[in-house]
Amino acid sequence: MIDDPDVLLLTATVCAPEDARNLARRDAATRLADYLDAFDFYLRQLAGGAFAAMVFCENSGFDLAPFAARARAARLDDRVELLGHFGLDYPGVYGRGYGEFKLVDYAMQRSALIAKAGDGVRVWKVTGRYKILNIERLIRSQPRHADLYCNCRNRPTPLTDMHLMRWNRRAYDALVHNAYRALQGNEIPISCEERFRALVDAAAASLRIVPRFLQAPKVEGWRGLDSRPYQTTRKYLKRALTRRVAPWFWN
């Protein structure tokens, strides 16, 4: 593997728990189709050299044979790692952010490909149902000095986008590891995006954090909350233009 490689970490829950809150897109067959579509997209990106390796980690105990077959067919199974387990051992009220970052810890601690990448690895965490259509540009243009590279927004409320972020081992150890505990939802209406933003702001004094993507991510996929498209073309163009003409406006 190349020095200081970029590794993609896709998080997945094919079979959502029955008590999951604020989740409209819960049908397992529909979710599986979403994950397979995104997985195929990222296989093509991997083949094209956008990143060095890919780890797909699933936490509902779903059989990952369909993903393994695709990796073999693409002749990329030596650069793709599939991790599956049952990690939904918590109340639904804790929220999907809690579950996803609990899953992140599982992957970071057990992935052979991430371990093989060494201390210089840069891990790009992507919610596995979403396709980041310009992922290659985002990786190519990244500020390599950053420990954490993410997208924070200030309007309408301060938060950090959770579907895509990049960290190195220093940021993982200091910020991401065990972050799921701080993301635990309850009856207080504070989103995991707001909770994670508080962690980012608190870590800014000790970590090199770049809190705005230099390129606006172009996201394709269906939101779990309401099963609507995550991002319209209009919204993407608006955010891309804002970064050019008014970079101080964090929308």
C-alpha atoms as a PDB file:
ATOM      1  CA  MET A   1       0.000   0.000   0.000  1.00  0.00           C
ATOM      2  CA  ILE A   2       1.207   3.525  -0.788  1.00  0.00           C
ATOM      3  CA  ASP A   3       2.562   5.833   1.906  1.00  0.00           C
ATOM      4  CA  ASP A   4      -0.088   7.869   3.769  1.00  0.00           C
ATOM      5  CA  PRO A   5      -2.996   6.260   1.902  1.00  0.00           C
ATOM      6  CA  ASP A   6      -6.602   7.368   1.755  1.00  0.00           C
ATOM      7  CA  VAL A   7      -8.979   4.591   2.816  1.00  0.00           C
ATOM      8  CA  LEU A   8     -12.743   4.759   2.389  1.00  0.00           C
ATOM      9  CA  LEU A   9     -14.858   3.527   5.302  1.00  0.00           C
ATOM     10  CA  LEU A  10     -18.487   2.831   4.384  1.00  0.00           C
ATOM     11  CA  THR A  11     -20.882   2.391   7.302  1.00  0.00           C
ATOM     12  CA  ALA A  12     -24.059   0.370   6.873  1.00  0.00           C
ATOM     13  CA  THR A  13     -27.192  -0.915   8.616  1.00  0.00           C
ATOM     14  CA  VAL A  14     -29.179  -3.014   6.158  1.00  0.00           C
ATOM     15  CA  CYS A  15     -31.844  -4.193   8.615  1.00  0.00           C
ATOM     16  CA  ALA A  16     -32.828  -1.190  10.686  1.00  0.00           C
ATOM     17  CA  PRO A  17     -34.120  -1.914  14.205  1.00  0.00           C
ATOM     18  CA  GLU A  18     -37.867  -1.696  14.707  1.00  0.00           C
ATOM     19  CA  ASP A  19     -37.528   0.988  17.348  1.00  0.00           C
ATOM     20  CA  ALA A  20     -35.292   3.261  15.253  1.00  0.00           C
ATOM     21  CA  ARG A  21     -36.559   6.824  15.530  1.00  0.00           C
ATOM     22  CA  ASN A  22     -37.001   9.353  12.714  1.00  0.00           C
ATOM     23  CA  LEU A  23     -36.440   6.742  10.008  1.00  0.00           C
ATOM     24  CA  ALA A  24     -38.739   6.529   6.992  1.00  0.00           C
ATOM     25  CA  ARG A  25     -36.424   4.488   4.762  1.00  0.00           C
ATOM     26  CA  ARG A  26     -36.486   1.300   6.822  1.00  0.00           C
ATOM     27  CA  ASP A  27     -37.416  -1.484   4.357  1.00  0.00           C
ATOM     28  CA  ALA A  28     -34.448  -3.879   4.277  1.00  0.00           C
ATOM     29  CA  ALA A  29     -34.708  -4.659   0.555  1.00  0.00           C
ATOM     30  CA  THR A  30     -34.782  -0.958  -0.303  1.00  0.00           C
ATOM     31  CA  ARG A  31     -31.839  -0.230   1.957  1.00  0.00           C
ATOM     32  CA  LEU A  32     -29.858  -3.147   0.523  1.00  0.00           C
ATOM     33  CA  ALA A  33     -30.424  -1.807  -2.981  1.00  0.00           C
ATOM     34  CA  ASP A  34     -29.156   1.607  -1.829  1.00  0.00           C
ATOM     35  CA  TYR A  35     -26.020   0.083  -0.330  1.00  0.00           C
ATOM     36  CA  LEU A  36     -25.271  -2.108  -3.340  1.00  0.00           C
ATOM     37  CA  ASP A  37     -25.706   0.818  -5.731  1.00  0.00           C
ATOM     38  CA  ALA A  38     -23.288   2.947  -3.697  1.00  0.00           C
ATOM     39  CA  PHE A  39     -20.884   0.009  -3.262  1.00  0.00           C
ATOM     40  CA  ASP A  40     -20.716  -0.473  -7.046  1.00  0.00           C
ATOM     41  CA  PHE A  41     -20.036   3.236  -7.490  1.00  0.00           C
ATOM     42  CA  TYR A  42     -17.167   3.175  -4.997  1.00  0.00           C
ATOM     43  CA  LEU A  43     -15.726   0.029  -6.564  1.00  0.00           C
ATOM     44  CA  ARG A  44     -15.399   1.992  -9.799  1.00  0.00           C
ATOM     45  CA  GLN A  45     -13.758   4.858  -7.930  1.00  0.00           C
ATOM     46  CA  LEU A  46     -11.348   2.427  -6.268  1.00  0.00           C
ATOM     47  CA  ALA A  47     -10.477   0.868  -9.615  1.00  0.00           C
ATOM     48  CA  GLY A  48      -9.790   4.336 -10.976  1.00  0.00           C
ATOM     49  CA  GLY A  49      -7.364   5.166  -8.153  1.00  0.00           C
ATOM     50  CA  ALA A  50      -9.458   7.679  -6.209  1.00  0.00           C
ATOM     51  CA  PHE A  51      -8.374   5.999  -2.949  1.00  0.00           C
ATOM     52  CA  ALA A  52      -6.184   3.085  -1.932  1.00  0.00           C
ATOM     53  CA  ALA A  53      -8.623   0.704  -0.240  1.00  0.00           C
ATOM     54  CA  MET A  54     -12.207   0.372   0.919  1.00  0.00           C
ATOM     55  CA  VAL A  55     -13.726  -1.016   4.118  1.00  0.00           C
ATOM     56  CA  PHE A  56     -17.455  -1.793   4.279  1.00  0.00           C
ATOM     57  CA  CYS A  57     -18.741  -2.293   7.824  1.00  0.00           C
ATOM     58  CA  GLU A  58     -22.310  -3.414   8.608  1.00  0.00           C
ATOM     59  CA  ASN A  59     -23.885  -3.686  12.061  1.00  0.00           C
ATOM     60  CA  SER A  60     -27.196  -5.566  11.689  1.00  0.00           C
ATOM     61  CA  GLY A  61     -25.640  -8.982  11.112  1.00  0.00           C
ATOM     62  CA  PHE A  62     -26.692  -9.041   7.438  1.00  0.00           C
ATOM     63  CA  ASP A  63     -25.058 -11.589   5.111  1.00  0.00           C
ATOM     64  CA  LEU A  64     -22.446  -9.644   3.123  1.00  0.00           C
ATOM     65  CA  ALA A  65     -22.145 -12.240   0.325  1.00  0.00           C
ATOM     66  CA  PRO A  66     -23.661  -9.901  -2.320  1.00  0.00           C
ATOM     67  CA  PHE A  67     -20.951  -7.335  -1.580  1.00  0.00           C
ATOM     68  CA  ALA A  68     -18.193  -9.953  -1.629  1.00  0.00           C
ATOM     69  CA  ALA A  69     -19.391 -11.175  -5.022  1.00  0.00           C
ATOM     70  CA  ARG A  70     -19.220  -7.674  -6.450  1.00  0.00           C
ATOM     71  CA  ALA A  71     -15.716  -7.092  -5.106  1.00  0.00           C
ATOM     72  CA  ARG A  72     -14.545 -10.395  -6.627  1.00  0.00           C
ATOM     73  CA  ALA A  73     -16.183  -9.626  -9.972  1.00  0.00           C
ATOM     74  CA  ALA A  74     -14.363  -6.286 -10.045  1.00  0.00           C
ATOM     75  CA  ARG A  75     -11.100  -8.097  -9.129  1.00  0.00           C
ATOM     76  CA  LEU A  76     -10.698  -5.764  -6.184  1.00  0.00           C
ATOM     77  CA  ASP A  77     -11.268  -8.195  -3.325  1.00  0.00           C
ATOM     78  CA  ASP A  78      -7.670  -7.741  -2.155  1.00  0.00           C
ATOM     79  CA  ARG A  79      -8.341  -4.018  -1.643  1.00  0.00           C
ATOM     80  CA  VAL A  80     -11.853  -4.353  -0.225  1.00  0.00           C
ATOM     81  CA  GLU A  81     -12.603  -5.528   3.304  1.00  0.00           C
ATOM     82  CA  LEU A  82     -16.044  -6.523   4.527  1.00  0.00           C
ATOM     83  CA  LEU A  83     -16.754  -6.406   8.251  1.00  0.00           C
ATOM     84  CA  GLY A  84     -20.072  -7.624   9.606  1.00  0.00           C
ATOM     85  CA  HIS A  85     -21.410  -8.016  13.106  1.00  0.00           C
ATOM     86  CA  PHE A  86     -24.507  -7.359  15.179  1.00  0.00           C
ATOM     87  CA  GLY A  87     -24.033  -4.090  17.028  1.00  0.00           C
ATOM     88  CA  LEU A  88     -27.625  -2.890  17.450  1.00  0.00           C
ATOM     89  CA  ASP A  89     -27.623  -3.688  21.146  1.00  0.00           C
ATOM     90  CA  TYR A  90     -28.911  -0.308  22.303  1.00  0.00           C
ATOM     91  CA  PRO A  91     -32.308   1.430  22.569  1.00  0.00           C
ATOM     92  CA  GLY A  92     -33.571   3.157  19.456  1.00  0.00           C
ATOM     93  CA  VAL A  93     -33.865   6.411  21.397  1.00  0.00           C
ATOM     94  CA  TYR A  94     -30.048   6.618  21.348  1.00  0.00           C
ATOM     95  CA  GLY A  95     -30.279   7.514  17.668  1.00  0.00           C
ATOM     96  CA  ARG A  96     -28.613   6.602  14.396  1.00  0.00           C
ATOM     97  CA  GLY A  97     -25.592   8.840  15.026  1.00  0.00           C
ATOM     98  CA  TYR A  98     -24.854   6.866  18.169  1.00  0.00           C
ATOM     99  CA  GLY A  99     -25.060   3.601  16.247  1.00  0.00           C
ATOM    100  CA  GLU A 100     -22.985   4.781  13.307  1.00  0.00           C
ATOM    101  CA  PHE A 101     -20.090   6.018  15.419  1.00  0.00           C
ATOM    102  CA  LYS A 102     -20.223   2.924  17.590  1.00  0.00           C
ATOM    103  CA  LEU A 103     -19.834   1.078  14.292  1.00  0.00           C
ATOM    104  CA  VAL A 104     -16.928   3.362  13.343  1.00  0.00           C
ATOM    105  CA  ASP A 105     -15.062   2.262  16.463  1.00  0.00           C
ATOM    106  CA  TYR A 106     -15.676  -1.378  15.566  1.00  0.00           C
ATOM    107  CA  ALA A 107     -14.234  -0.843  12.092  1.00  0.00           C
ATOM    108  CA  MET A 108     -11.247   1.225  13.215  1.00  0.00           C
ATOM    109  CA  GLN A 109     -10.282  -1.375  15.799  1.00  0.00           C
ATOM    110  CA  ARG A 110     -10.781  -4.475  13.621  1.00  0.00           C
ATOM    111  CA  SER A 111     -10.014  -3.506  10.034  1.00  0.00           C
ATOM    112  CA  ALA A 112      -6.926  -5.252   8.689  1.00  0.00           C
ATOM    113  CA  LEU A 113      -6.702  -2.841   5.759  1.00  0.00           C
ATOM    114  CA  ILE A 114      -6.752   0.222   7.991  1.00  0.00           C
ATOM    115  CA  ALA A 115      -4.126  -1.338  10.247  1.00  0.00           C
ATOM    116  CA  LYS A 116      -2.000  -2.237   7.220  1.00  0.00           C
ATOM    117  CA  ALA A 117      -2.166   1.370   6.010  1.00  0.00           C
ATOM    118  CA  GLY A 118      -0.042   2.420   8.984  1.00  0.00           C
ATOM    119  CA  ASP A 119       0.120   5.571  11.051  1.00  0.00           C
ATOM    120  CA  GLY A 120      -0.235   7.842   8.019  1.00  0.00           C
ATOM    121  CA  VAL A 121      -3.649   6.538   7.002  1.00  0.00           C
ATOM    122  CA  ARG A 122      -6.403   9.019   6.215  1.00  0.00           C
ATOM    123  CA  VAL A 123      -9.847   7.509   6.737  1.00  0.00           C
ATOM    124  CA  TRP A 124     -12.814   8.913   4.815  1.00  0.00           C
ATOM    125  CA  LYS A 125     -16.024   7.950   6.602  1.00  0.00           C
ATOM    126  CA  VAL A 126     -19.052   7.864   4.301  1.00  0.00           C
ATOM    127  CA  THR A 127     -22.581   6.859   5.212  1.00  0.00           C
ATOM    128  CA  GLY A 128     -22.776   3.822   2.960  1.00  0.00           C
ATOM    129  CA  ARG A 129     -26.082   4.514   1.199  1.00  0.00           C
ATOM    130  CA  TYR A 130     -24.788   7.788  -0.220  1.00  0.00           C
ATOM    131  CA  LYS A 131     -22.672   8.294  -3.314  1.00  0.00           C
ATOM    132  CA  ILE A 132     -20.278  11.241  -3.094  1.00  0.00           C
ATOM    133  CA  LEU A 133     -20.082  11.835  -6.828  1.00  0.00           C
ATOM    134  CA  ASN A 134     -17.016  14.074  -6.614  1.00  0.00           C
ATOM    135  CA  ILE A 135     -15.164  11.999  -4.013  1.00  0.00           C
ATOM    136  CA  GLU A 136     -12.024  11.896  -6.154  1.00  0.00           C
ATOM    137  CA  ARG A 137     -11.875  15.702  -6.323  1.00  0.00           C
ATOM    138  CA  LEU A 138     -12.475  15.982  -2.589  1.00  0.00           C
ATOM    139  CA  ILE A 139      -9.607  13.604  -1.865  1.00  0.00           C
ATOM    140  CA  ARG A 140      -7.288  15.200  -4.378  1.00  0.00           C
ATOM    141  CA  SER A 141      -7.921  18.734  -3.060  1.00  0.00           C
ATOM    142  CA  GLN A 142      -7.823  17.879   0.659  1.00  0.00           C
ATOM    143  CA  PRO A 143      -5.554  19.821   3.043  1.00  0.00           C
ATOM    144  CA  ARG A 144      -3.224  16.956   3.923  1.00  0.00           C
ATOM    145  CA  HIS A 145      -1.994  18.649   7.086  1.00  0.00           C
ATOM    146  CA  ALA A 146      -5.463  18.476   8.651  1.00  0.00           C
ATOM    147  CA  ASP A 147      -6.062  15.958  11.414  1.00  0.00           C
ATOM    148  CA  LEU A 148      -9.806  16.288  10.893  1.00  0.00           C
ATOM    149  CA  TYR A 149     -11.364  17.445   7.646  1.00  0.00           C
ATOM    150  CA  CYS A 150     -15.116  17.907   7.843  1.00  0.00           C
ATOM    151  CA  ASN A 151     -17.978  20.194   6.959  1.00  0.00           C
ATOM    152  CA  CYS A 152     -19.421  22.408   9.674  1.00  0.00           C
ATOM    153  CA  ARG A 153     -22.400  24.678   9.194  1.00  0.00           C
ATOM    154  CA  ASN A 154     -23.592  27.627  11.272  1.00  0.00           C
ATOM    155  CA  ARG A 155     -27.089  28.134   9.847  1.00  0.00           C
ATOM    156  CA  PRO A 156     -29.770  27.573  10.932  1.00  0.00           C
ATOM    157  CA  THR A 157     -27.874  26.057  13.891  1.00  0.00           C
ATOM    158  CA  PRO A 158     -24.216  25.076  14.416  1.00  0.00           C
ATOM    159  CA  LEU A 159     -23.690  21.465  13.360  1.00  0.00           C
ATOM    160  CA  THR A 160     -21.309  19.122  11.574  1.00  0.00           C
ATOM    161  CA  ASP A 161     -22.442  17.103   8.570  1.00  0.00           C
ATOM    162  CA  MET A 162     -22.148  13.449   9.582  1.00  0.00           C
ATOM    163  CA  HIS A 163     -22.401  11.640   6.249  1.00  0.00           C
ATOM    164  CA  LEU A 164     -18.847  12.499   5.161  1.00  0.00           C
ATOM    165  CA  MET A 165     -15.694  13.382   7.077  1.00  0.00           C
ATOM    166  CA  ARG A 166     -12.001  12.502   7.054  1.00  0.00           C
ATOM    167  CA  TRP A 167      -9.631  11.894   9.975  1.00  0.00           C
ATOM    168  CA  ASN A 168      -6.117  10.652  10.607  1.00  0.00           C
ATOM    169  CA  ARG A 169      -5.047   8.518  13.559  1.00  0.00           C
ATOM    170  CA  ARG A 170      -4.350  11.553  15.727  1.00  0.00           C
ATOM    171  CA  ALA A 171      -7.882  12.879  15.285  1.00  0.00           C
ATOM    172  CA  TYR A 172      -9.368   9.439  15.689  1.00  0.00           C
ATOM    173  CA  ASP A 173      -7.618   8.865  19.012  1.00  0.00           C
ATOM    174  CA  ALA A 174      -8.378  12.341  20.368  1.00  0.00           C
ATOM    175  CA  LEU A 175     -11.873  12.977  19.018  1.00  0.00           C
ATOM    176  CA  VAL A 176     -13.610  10.204  17.094  1.00  0.00           C
ATOM    177  CA  HIS A 177     -12.837   7.253  19.378  1.00  0.00           C
ATOM    178  CA  ASN A 178     -15.747   6.797  21.810  1.00  0.00           C
ATOM    179  CA  ALA A 179     -17.515   9.829  20.318  1.00  0.00           C
ATOM    180  CA  TYR A 180     -20.657   7.717  20.072  1.00  0.00           C
ATOM    181  CA  ARG A 181     -21.121   8.101  23.817  1.00  0.00           C
ATOM    182  CA  ALA A 182     -21.466  11.874  23.430  1.00  0.00           C
ATOM    183  CA  LEU A 183     -23.865  11.368  20.505  1.00  0.00           C
ATOM    184  CA  GLN A 184     -26.343   9.360  22.542  1.00  0.00           C
ATOM    185  CA  GLY A 185     -29.794  10.729  21.925  1.00  0.00           C
ATOM    186  CA  ASN A 186     -32.485  11.068  24.556  1.00  0.00           C
ATOM    187  CA  GLU A 187     -35.688  13.008  25.017  1.00  0.00           C
ATOM    188  CA  ILE A 188     -33.810  16.318  24.700  1.00  0.00           C
ATOM    189  CA  PRO A 189     -34.189  17.409  21.040  1.00  0.00           C
ATOM    190  CA  ILE A 190     -30.520  17.889  20.170  1.00  0.00           C
ATOM    191  CA  SER A 191     -29.369  16.204  16.964  1.00  0.00           C
ATOM    192  CA  CYS A 192     -26.193  14.127  16.702  1.00  0.00           C
ATOM    193  CA  GLU A 193     -24.918  16.684  14.171  1.00  0.00           C
ATOM    194  CA  GLU A 194     -25.182  19.399  16.824  1.00  0.00           C
ATOM    195  CA  ARG A 195     -23.579  17.167  19.449  1.00  0.00           C
ATOM    196  CA  PHE A 196     -20.664  16.324  17.179  1.00  0.00           C
ATOM    197  CA  ARG A 197     -20.167  20.005  16.338  1.00  0.00           C
ATOM    198  CA  ALA A 198     -19.621  20.645  20.056  1.00  0.00           C
ATOM    199  CA  LEU A 199     -16.921  17.951  20.065  1.00  0.00           C
ATOM    200  CA  VAL A 200     -15.251  19.508  17.023  1.00  0.00           C
ATOM    201  CA  ASP A 201     -15.234  22.981  18.565  1.00  0.00           C
ATOM    202  CA  ALA A 202     -13.810  21.653  21.840  1.00  0.00           C
ATOM    203  CA  ALA A 203     -11.008  19.816  20.014  1.00  0.00           C
ATOM    204  CA  ALA A 204      -9.985  22.778  17.864  1.00  0.00           C
ATOM    205  CA  ALA A 205      -7.336  23.916  20.348  1.00  0.00           C
ATOM    206  CA  SER A 206      -5.415  20.636  20.194  1.00  0.00           C
ATOM    207  CA  LEU A 207      -6.079  19.283  16.701  1.00  0.00           C
ATOM    208  CA  ARG A 208      -5.496  20.704  13.236  1.00  0.00           C
ATOM    209  CA  ILE A 209      -9.087  20.925  12.082  1.00  0.00           C
ATOM    210  CA  VAL A 210     -10.252  22.200   8.717  1.00  0.00           C
ATOM    211  CA  PRO A 211     -14.005  22.606   9.304  1.00  0.00           C
ATOM    212  CA  ARG A 212     -15.109  23.376   5.742  1.00  0.00           C
ATOM    213  CA  PHE A 213     -14.636  21.249   2.657  1.00  0.00           C
ATOM    214  CA  LEU A 214     -12.759  23.130  -0.034  1.00  0.00           C
ATOM    215  CA  GLN A 215     -15.045  21.477  -2.585  1.00  0.00           C
ATOM    216  CA  ALA A 216     -18.781  21.185  -1.995  1.00  0.00           C
ATOM    217  CA  PRO A 217     -19.626  17.467  -1.792  1.00  0.00           C
ATOM    218  CA  LYS A 218     -22.015  16.343  -4.519  1.00  0.00           C
ATOM    219  CA  VAL A 219     -24.213  13.794  -2.758  1.00  0.00           C
ATOM    220  CA  GLU A 220     -26.601  11.372  -4.399  1.00  0.00           C
ATOM    221  CA  GLY A 221     -28.873   9.173  -2.324  1.00  0.00           C
ATOM    222  CA  TRP A 222     -32.073   8.990  -0.301  1.00  0.00           C
ATOM    223  CA  ARG A 223     -32.340  10.441   3.177  1.00  0.00           C
ATOM    224  CA  GLY A 224     -33.238   8.022   5.920  1.00  0.00           C
ATOM    225  CA  LEU A 225     -35.296  10.658   7.732  1.00  0.00           C
ATOM    226  CA  ASP A 226     -37.964  11.124   5.042  1.00  0.00           C
ATOM    227  CA  SER A 227     -36.829   8.988   2.073  1.00  0.00           C
ATOM    228  CA  ARG A 228     -36.379  12.102  -0.045  1.00  0.00           C
ATOM    229  CA  PRO A 229     -33.283  12.899  -2.146  1.00  0.00           C
ATOM    230  CA  TYR A 230     -30.453  14.035   0.126  1.00  0.00           C
ATOM    231  CA  GLN A 231     -29.393  16.845  -2.155  1.00  0.00           C
ATOM    232  CA  THR A 232     -30.976  18.535  -5.156  1.00  0.00           C
ATOM    233  CA  THR A 233     -28.895  19.916  -8.009  1.00  0.00           C
ATOM    234  CA  ARG A 234     -30.025  23.392  -6.997  1.00  0.00           C
ATOM    235  CA  LYS A 235     -28.836  22.911  -3.409  1.00  0.00           C
ATOM    236  CA  TYR A 236     -25.453  21.590  -4.569  1.00  0.00           C
ATOM    237  CA  LEU A 237     -24.913  24.491  -6.984  1.00  0.00           C
ATOM    238  CA  LYS A 238     -25.908  26.981  -4.282  1.00  0.00           C
ATOM    239  CA  ARG A 239     -23.384  25.546  -1.829  1.00  0.00           C
ATOM    240  CA  ALA A 240     -20.657  25.315  -4.450  1.00  0.00           C
ATOM    241  CA  LEU A 241     -21.207  28.966  -5.454  1.00  0.00           C
ATOM    242  CA  THR A 242     -21.237  30.098  -1.816  1.00  0.00           C
ATOM    243  CA  ARG A 243     -17.786  28.578  -1.264  1.00  0.00           C
ATOM    244  CA  ARG A 244     -16.473  30.687  -4.133  1.00  0.00           C
ATOM    245  CA  VAL A 245     -18.096  34.065  -3.617  1.00  0.00           C
ATOM    246  CA  ALA A 246     -18.888  34.102   0.133  1.00  0.00           C
ATOM    247  CA  PRO A 247     -16.719  31.514   1.892  1.00  0.00           C
ATOM    248  CA  TRP A 248     -17.457  33.182   5.236  1.00  0.00           C
ATOM    249  CA  PHE A 249     -21.146  32.241   4.934  1.00  0.00           C
ATOM    250  CA  TRP A 250     -21.412  28.739   6.407  1.00  0.00           C
ATOM    251  CA  ASN A 251     -24.809  27.549   5.159  1.00  0.00           C
END
